[in-house]
Amino acid sequence: MRKRKQSKFGGNDLEVRRINFEAFFDELKKRVYTNAIATIASPEGVLTFDIRRNESGKPVFGYSLEESAILHARLYRLLSNYNKISLILRSFTERRHVQSGLPIKELRAYTMWLGGNKTLLFEKASKAALFVVCNTDAGTGEPLTPEIAVEYCDDSLSEDVDLGQTDNF
């Protein structure tokens, strides 16, 4: 189920989606081309984990099944303990930045919280908001020089993602 609201960044609409956890992880997996780094920010601090494609091309969270299970549990605990948490996904592509030769990274940001029936609600940040967050010093609020070889993405959820159980707002 979708709910539209006004963005505090430039008036663009943001979509709030209510889905189950696996549908959200499936969405992240679709954004992994070779490997990716996900960073979760919460009042407890920062949690970073890798997502990579294994030998058969399947996306894997962490480097073992145990690590993947621990990640799922930690994410659920963070969402249970705090009103909102944020996730930034850095997906490395096979494309190269012309001037530097570095692999181009796609950046996406999500704000997540739990809704009724323990479903996950999230909104994706707009390109403008993502640019500001990624290029501002958290301590001083001063602008930083933007990273090279970065694309800021705010694409919508893939249409073929199974949104799972939904609740009414």
C-alpha atoms as a PDB file:
ATOM      1  CA  MET A   1       0.000   0.000   0.000  1.00  0.00           C
ATOM      2  CA  ARG A   2       1.327   3.447  -0.868  1.00  0.00           C
ATOM      3  CA  LYS A   3       0.852   6.757   0.817  1.00  0.00           C
ATOM      4  CA  ARG A   4       2.130  10.026  -0.663  1.00  0.00           C
ATOM      5  CA  LYS A   5       3.433  12.920   1.397  1.00  0.00           C
ATOM      6  CA  GLN A   6       5.255  16.170   0.837  1.00  0.00           C
ATOM      7  CA  SER A   7       9.017  16.130   1.037  1.00  0.00           C
ATOM      8  CA  LYS A   8      10.835  18.642   3.185  1.00  0.00           C
ATOM      9  CA  PHE A   9      13.445  18.739   0.383  1.00  0.00           C
ATOM     10  CA  GLY A  10      12.147  20.774  -2.525  1.00  0.00           C
ATOM     11  CA  GLY A  11       8.469  19.786  -2.407  1.00  0.00           C
ATOM     12  CA  ASN A  12       8.798  16.500  -4.303  1.00  0.00           C
ATOM     13  CA  ASP A  13       6.410  13.740  -3.327  1.00  0.00           C
ATOM     14  CA  LEU A  14       7.891  10.795  -1.468  1.00  0.00           C
ATOM     15  CA  GLU A  15       6.332   7.364  -1.450  1.00  0.00           C
ATOM     16  CA  VAL A  16       5.858   5.495   1.781  1.00  0.00           C
ATOM     17  CA  ARG A  17       5.627   1.752   1.226  1.00  0.00           C
ATOM     18  CA  ARG A  18       4.438  -0.914   3.648  1.00  0.00           C
ATOM     19  CA  ILE A  19       5.916  -4.333   2.932  1.00  0.00           C
ATOM     20  CA  ASN A  20       7.308  -7.399   4.635  1.00  0.00           C
ATOM     21  CA  PHE A  21      11.023  -7.639   5.419  1.00  0.00           C
ATOM     22  CA  GLU A  22      11.808 -10.159   2.698  1.00  0.00           C
ATOM     23  CA  ALA A  23      10.319  -7.902   0.017  1.00  0.00           C
ATOM     24  CA  PHE A  24      12.602  -5.093   1.214  1.00  0.00           C
ATOM     25  CA  PHE A  25      15.655  -7.376   1.135  1.00  0.00           C
ATOM     26  CA  ASP A  26      14.611  -8.499  -2.355  1.00  0.00           C
ATOM     27  CA  GLU A  27      14.550  -4.847  -3.428  1.00  0.00           C
ATOM     28  CA  LEU A  28      18.072  -4.335  -2.057  1.00  0.00           C
ATOM     29  CA  LYS A  29      19.292  -7.494  -3.812  1.00  0.00           C
ATOM     30  CA  LYS A  30      18.047  -6.165  -7.155  1.00  0.00           C
ATOM     31  CA  ARG A  31      20.343  -3.166  -6.680  1.00  0.00           C
ATOM     32  CA  VAL A  32      23.482  -5.331  -6.286  1.00  0.00           C
ATOM     33  CA  TYR A  33      25.336  -5.687  -9.578  1.00  0.00           C
ATOM     34  CA  THR A  34      28.665  -7.073  -8.317  1.00  0.00           C
ATOM     35  CA  ASN A  35      28.851  -6.011  -4.703  1.00  0.00           C
ATOM     36  CA  ALA A  36      27.366  -3.344  -2.462  1.00  0.00           C
ATOM     37  CA  ILE A  37      27.787  -1.844   0.976  1.00  0.00           C
ATOM     38  CA  ALA A  38      24.772  -1.081   3.154  1.00  0.00           C
ATOM     39  CA  THR A  39      25.156   1.303   6.082  1.00  0.00           C
ATOM     40  CA  ILE A  40      22.450   1.502   8.737  1.00  0.00           C
ATOM     41  CA  ALA A  41      22.371   4.526  11.038  1.00  0.00           C
ATOM     42  CA  SER A  42      20.461   4.363  14.315  1.00  0.00           C
ATOM     43  CA  PRO A  43      20.760   5.862  17.799  1.00  0.00           C
ATOM     44  CA  GLU A  44      23.066   2.914  18.614  1.00  0.00           C
ATOM     45  CA  GLY A  45      25.530   3.995  15.952  1.00  0.00           C
ATOM     46  CA  VAL A  46      26.421   2.702  12.511  1.00  0.00           C
ATOM     47  CA  LEU A  47      26.149  -0.882  11.257  1.00  0.00           C
ATOM     48  CA  THR A  48      27.807  -1.673   7.925  1.00  0.00           C
ATOM     49  CA  PHE A  49      27.472  -4.907   5.983  1.00  0.00           C
ATOM     50  CA  ASP A  50      28.388  -6.221   2.565  1.00  0.00           C
ATOM     51  CA  ILE A  51      26.059  -7.600  -0.056  1.00  0.00           C
ATOM     52  CA  ARG A  52      27.762  -9.537  -2.822  1.00  0.00           C
ATOM     53  CA  ARG A  53      26.924 -11.922  -5.590  1.00  0.00           C
ATOM     54  CA  ASN A  54      28.273 -15.427  -4.970  1.00  0.00           C
ATOM     55  CA  GLU A  55      29.751 -17.738  -7.608  1.00  0.00           C
ATOM     56  CA  SER A  56      26.290 -18.613  -8.945  1.00  0.00           C
ATOM     57  CA  GLY A  57      25.268 -14.941  -9.151  1.00  0.00           C
ATOM     58  CA  LYS A  58      22.918 -15.007  -6.152  1.00  0.00           C
ATOM     59  CA  PRO A  59      23.065 -11.925  -3.873  1.00  0.00           C
ATOM     60  CA  VAL A  60      24.244 -12.790  -0.354  1.00  0.00           C
ATOM     61  CA  PHE A  61      24.076 -10.579   2.753  1.00  0.00           C
ATOM     62  CA  GLY A  62      27.357 -10.868   4.627  1.00  0.00           C
ATOM     63  CA  TYR A  63      29.707 -13.741   3.988  1.00  0.00           C
ATOM     64  CA  SER A  64      27.811 -16.662   5.528  1.00  0.00           C
ATOM     65  CA  LEU A  65      24.273 -17.815   6.290  1.00  0.00           C
ATOM     66  CA  GLU A  66      24.927 -17.139   9.964  1.00  0.00           C
ATOM     67  CA  GLU A  67      25.976 -13.559   9.249  1.00  0.00           C
ATOM     68  CA  SER A  68      22.866 -13.037   7.119  1.00  0.00           C
ATOM     69  CA  ALA A  69      20.614 -14.329   9.920  1.00  0.00           C
ATOM     70  CA  ILE A  70      22.361 -12.091  12.467  1.00  0.00           C
ATOM     71  CA  LEU A  71      21.900  -9.093  10.168  1.00  0.00           C
ATOM     72  CA  HIS A  72      18.161  -9.771   9.824  1.00  0.00           C
ATOM     73  CA  ALA A  73      17.845 -10.095  13.619  1.00  0.00           C
ATOM     74  CA  ARG A  74      19.832  -6.905  14.290  1.00  0.00           C
ATOM     75  CA  LEU A  75      17.796  -4.936  11.773  1.00  0.00           C
ATOM     76  CA  TYR A  76      14.537  -6.124  13.328  1.00  0.00           C
ATOM     77  CA  ARG A  77      15.825  -5.305  16.838  1.00  0.00           C
ATOM     78  CA  LEU A  78      16.864  -1.798  15.771  1.00  0.00           C
ATOM     79  CA  LEU A  79      13.457  -1.211  14.196  1.00  0.00           C
ATOM     80  CA  SER A  80      11.733  -2.548  17.323  1.00  0.00           C
ATOM     81  CA  ASN A  81      13.777  -0.345  19.671  1.00  0.00           C
ATOM     82  CA  TYR A  82      13.757   2.940  17.752  1.00  0.00           C
ATOM     83  CA  ASN A  83      11.173   4.941  15.868  1.00  0.00           C
ATOM     84  CA  LYS A  84      13.199   5.243  12.673  1.00  0.00           C
ATOM     85  CA  ILE A  85      16.488   4.106  11.213  1.00  0.00           C
ATOM     86  CA  SER A  86      18.191   4.983   7.947  1.00  0.00           C
ATOM     87  CA  LEU A  87      19.968   2.838   5.383  1.00  0.00           C
ATOM     88  CA  ILE A  88      22.292   3.989   2.614  1.00  0.00           C
ATOM     89  CA  LEU A  89      23.037   1.463  -0.123  1.00  0.00           C
ATOM     90  CA  ARG A  90      26.205   1.873  -2.212  1.00  0.00           C
ATOM     91  CA  SER A  91      25.984  -0.411  -5.247  1.00  0.00           C
ATOM     92  CA  PHE A  92      29.164  -0.798  -7.272  1.00  0.00           C
ATOM     93  CA  THR A  93      28.613  -1.105 -11.009  1.00  0.00           C
ATOM     94  CA  GLU A  94      30.861  -2.463 -13.730  1.00  0.00           C
ATOM     95  CA  ARG A  95      30.843   0.959 -15.399  1.00  0.00           C
ATOM     96  CA  ARG A  96      33.913   3.166 -14.958  1.00  0.00           C
ATOM     97  CA  HIS A  97      34.184   6.890 -14.312  1.00  0.00           C
ATOM     98  CA  VAL A  98      35.914   8.344 -17.380  1.00  0.00           C
ATOM     99  CA  GLN A  99      38.347  10.702 -15.636  1.00  0.00           C
ATOM    100  CA  SER A 100      39.300   8.576 -12.612  1.00  0.00           C
ATOM    101  CA  GLY A 101      38.806   5.017 -13.850  1.00  0.00           C
ATOM    102  CA  LEU A 102      36.994   4.202 -10.588  1.00  0.00           C
ATOM    103  CA  PRO A 103      33.912   1.972 -10.626  1.00  0.00           C
ATOM    104  CA  ILE A 104      30.724   4.036 -10.593  1.00  0.00           C
ATOM    105  CA  LYS A 105      28.658   3.679  -7.397  1.00  0.00           C
ATOM    106  CA  GLU A 106      24.898   4.079  -7.279  1.00  0.00           C
ATOM    107  CA  LEU A 107      23.683   5.546  -3.976  1.00  0.00           C
ATOM    108  CA  ARG A 108      20.189   5.066  -2.581  1.00  0.00           C
ATOM    109  CA  ALA A 109      18.839   5.995   0.849  1.00  0.00           C
ATOM    110  CA  TYR A 110      15.888   4.652   2.802  1.00  0.00           C
ATOM    111  CA  THR A 111      14.245   5.688   6.070  1.00  0.00           C
ATOM    112  CA  MET A 112      12.585   2.693   7.738  1.00  0.00           C
ATOM    113  CA  TRP A 113      10.208   2.076  10.634  1.00  0.00           C
ATOM    114  CA  LEU A 114       7.811  -0.652  11.780  1.00  0.00           C
ATOM    115  CA  GLY A 115       4.100  -0.463  11.121  1.00  0.00           C
ATOM    116  CA  GLY A 116       1.202  -2.602  12.273  1.00  0.00           C
ATOM    117  CA  ASN A 117       1.557  -6.381  12.129  1.00  0.00           C
ATOM    118  CA  LYS A 118       5.347  -5.900  12.189  1.00  0.00           C
ATOM    119  CA  THR A 119       5.456  -4.859   8.565  1.00  0.00           C
ATOM    120  CA  LEU A 120       8.234  -2.622   7.373  1.00  0.00           C
ATOM    121  CA  LEU A 121       7.430   0.901   6.247  1.00  0.00           C
ATOM    122  CA  PHE A 122      10.007   2.886   4.351  1.00  0.00           C
ATOM    123  CA  GLU A 123      10.501   5.867   2.145  1.00  0.00           C
ATOM    124  CA  LYS A 124      13.257   6.436  -0.356  1.00  0.00           C
ATOM    125  CA  ALA A 125      15.125   9.711  -0.269  1.00  0.00           C
ATOM    126  CA  SER A 126      14.981  11.974  -3.294  1.00  0.00           C
ATOM    127  CA  LYS A 127      18.174  12.660  -5.243  1.00  0.00           C
ATOM    128  CA  ALA A 128      18.321  16.161  -3.746  1.00  0.00           C
ATOM    129  CA  ALA A 129      17.999  14.906  -0.169  1.00  0.00           C
ATOM    130  CA  LEU A 130      20.505  12.108  -0.775  1.00  0.00           C
ATOM    131  CA  PHE A 131      23.016  14.572  -2.229  1.00  0.00           C
ATOM    132  CA  VAL A 132      22.688  16.844   0.821  1.00  0.00           C
ATOM    133  CA  VAL A 133      23.040  13.964   3.308  1.00  0.00           C
ATOM    134  CA  CYS A 134      26.063  12.455   1.574  1.00  0.00           C
ATOM    135  CA  ASN A 135      27.871  15.750   1.041  1.00  0.00           C
ATOM    136  CA  THR A 136      27.411  17.508   4.378  1.00  0.00           C
ATOM    137  CA  ASP A 137      29.732  17.184   7.368  1.00  0.00           C
ATOM    138  CA  ALA A 138      27.592  15.657  10.126  1.00  0.00           C
ATOM    139  CA  GLY A 139      29.534  17.455  12.856  1.00  0.00           C
ATOM    140  CA  THR A 140      29.670  20.967  11.430  1.00  0.00           C
ATOM    141  CA  GLY A 141      26.894  21.060   8.843  1.00  0.00           C
ATOM    142  CA  GLU A 142      29.390  22.414   6.324  1.00  0.00           C
ATOM    143  CA  PRO A 143      29.223  21.179   2.720  1.00  0.00           C
ATOM    144  CA  LEU A 144      31.765  18.579   1.626  1.00  0.00           C
ATOM    145  CA  THR A 145      33.282  18.116  -1.810  1.00  0.00           C
ATOM    146  CA  PRO A 146      31.122  15.538  -3.615  1.00  0.00           C
ATOM    147  CA  GLU A 147      32.678  12.148  -4.212  1.00  0.00           C
ATOM    148  CA  ILE A 148      33.599  11.309  -7.790  1.00  0.00           C
ATOM    149  CA  ALA A 149      32.142   8.298  -9.625  1.00  0.00           C
ATOM    150  CA  VAL A 150      28.808   8.508  -7.763  1.00  0.00           C
ATOM    151  CA  GLU A 151      25.257   8.479  -9.135  1.00  0.00           C
ATOM    152  CA  TYR A 152      22.476   9.549  -6.754  1.00  0.00           C
ATOM    153  CA  CYS A 153      19.394   7.413  -7.397  1.00  0.00           C
ATOM    154  CA  ASP A 154      15.777   7.806  -6.325  1.00  0.00           C
ATOM    155  CA  ASP A 155      14.145   5.299  -8.636  1.00  0.00           C
ATOM    156  CA  SER A 156      10.906   3.703  -7.518  1.00  0.00           C
ATOM    157  CA  LEU A 157      10.549   0.137  -6.386  1.00  0.00           C
ATOM    158  CA  SER A 158      10.755  -2.386  -9.177  1.00  0.00           C
ATOM    159  CA  GLU A 159       7.296  -3.274 -10.366  1.00  0.00           C
ATOM    160  CA  ASP A 160       7.918  -7.001 -10.065  1.00  0.00           C
ATOM    161  CA  VAL A 161       8.776  -6.919  -6.336  1.00  0.00           C
ATOM    162  CA  ASP A 162       6.283  -8.945  -4.299  1.00  0.00           C
ATOM    163  CA  LEU A 163       5.056  -6.403  -1.790  1.00  0.00           C
ATOM    164  CA  GLY A 164       3.795  -9.150   0.516  1.00  0.00           C
ATOM    165  CA  GLN A 165       1.279  -8.506   3.259  1.00  0.00           C
ATOM    166  CA  THR A 166      -0.077  -4.986   3.403  1.00  0.00           C
ATOM    167  CA  ASP A 167      -2.050  -3.196   6.095  1.00  0.00           C
ATOM    168  CA  ASN A 168      -4.447  -0.303   5.932  1.00  0.00           C
ATOM    169  CA  PHE A 169      -3.135   3.016   7.222  1.00  0.00           C
END
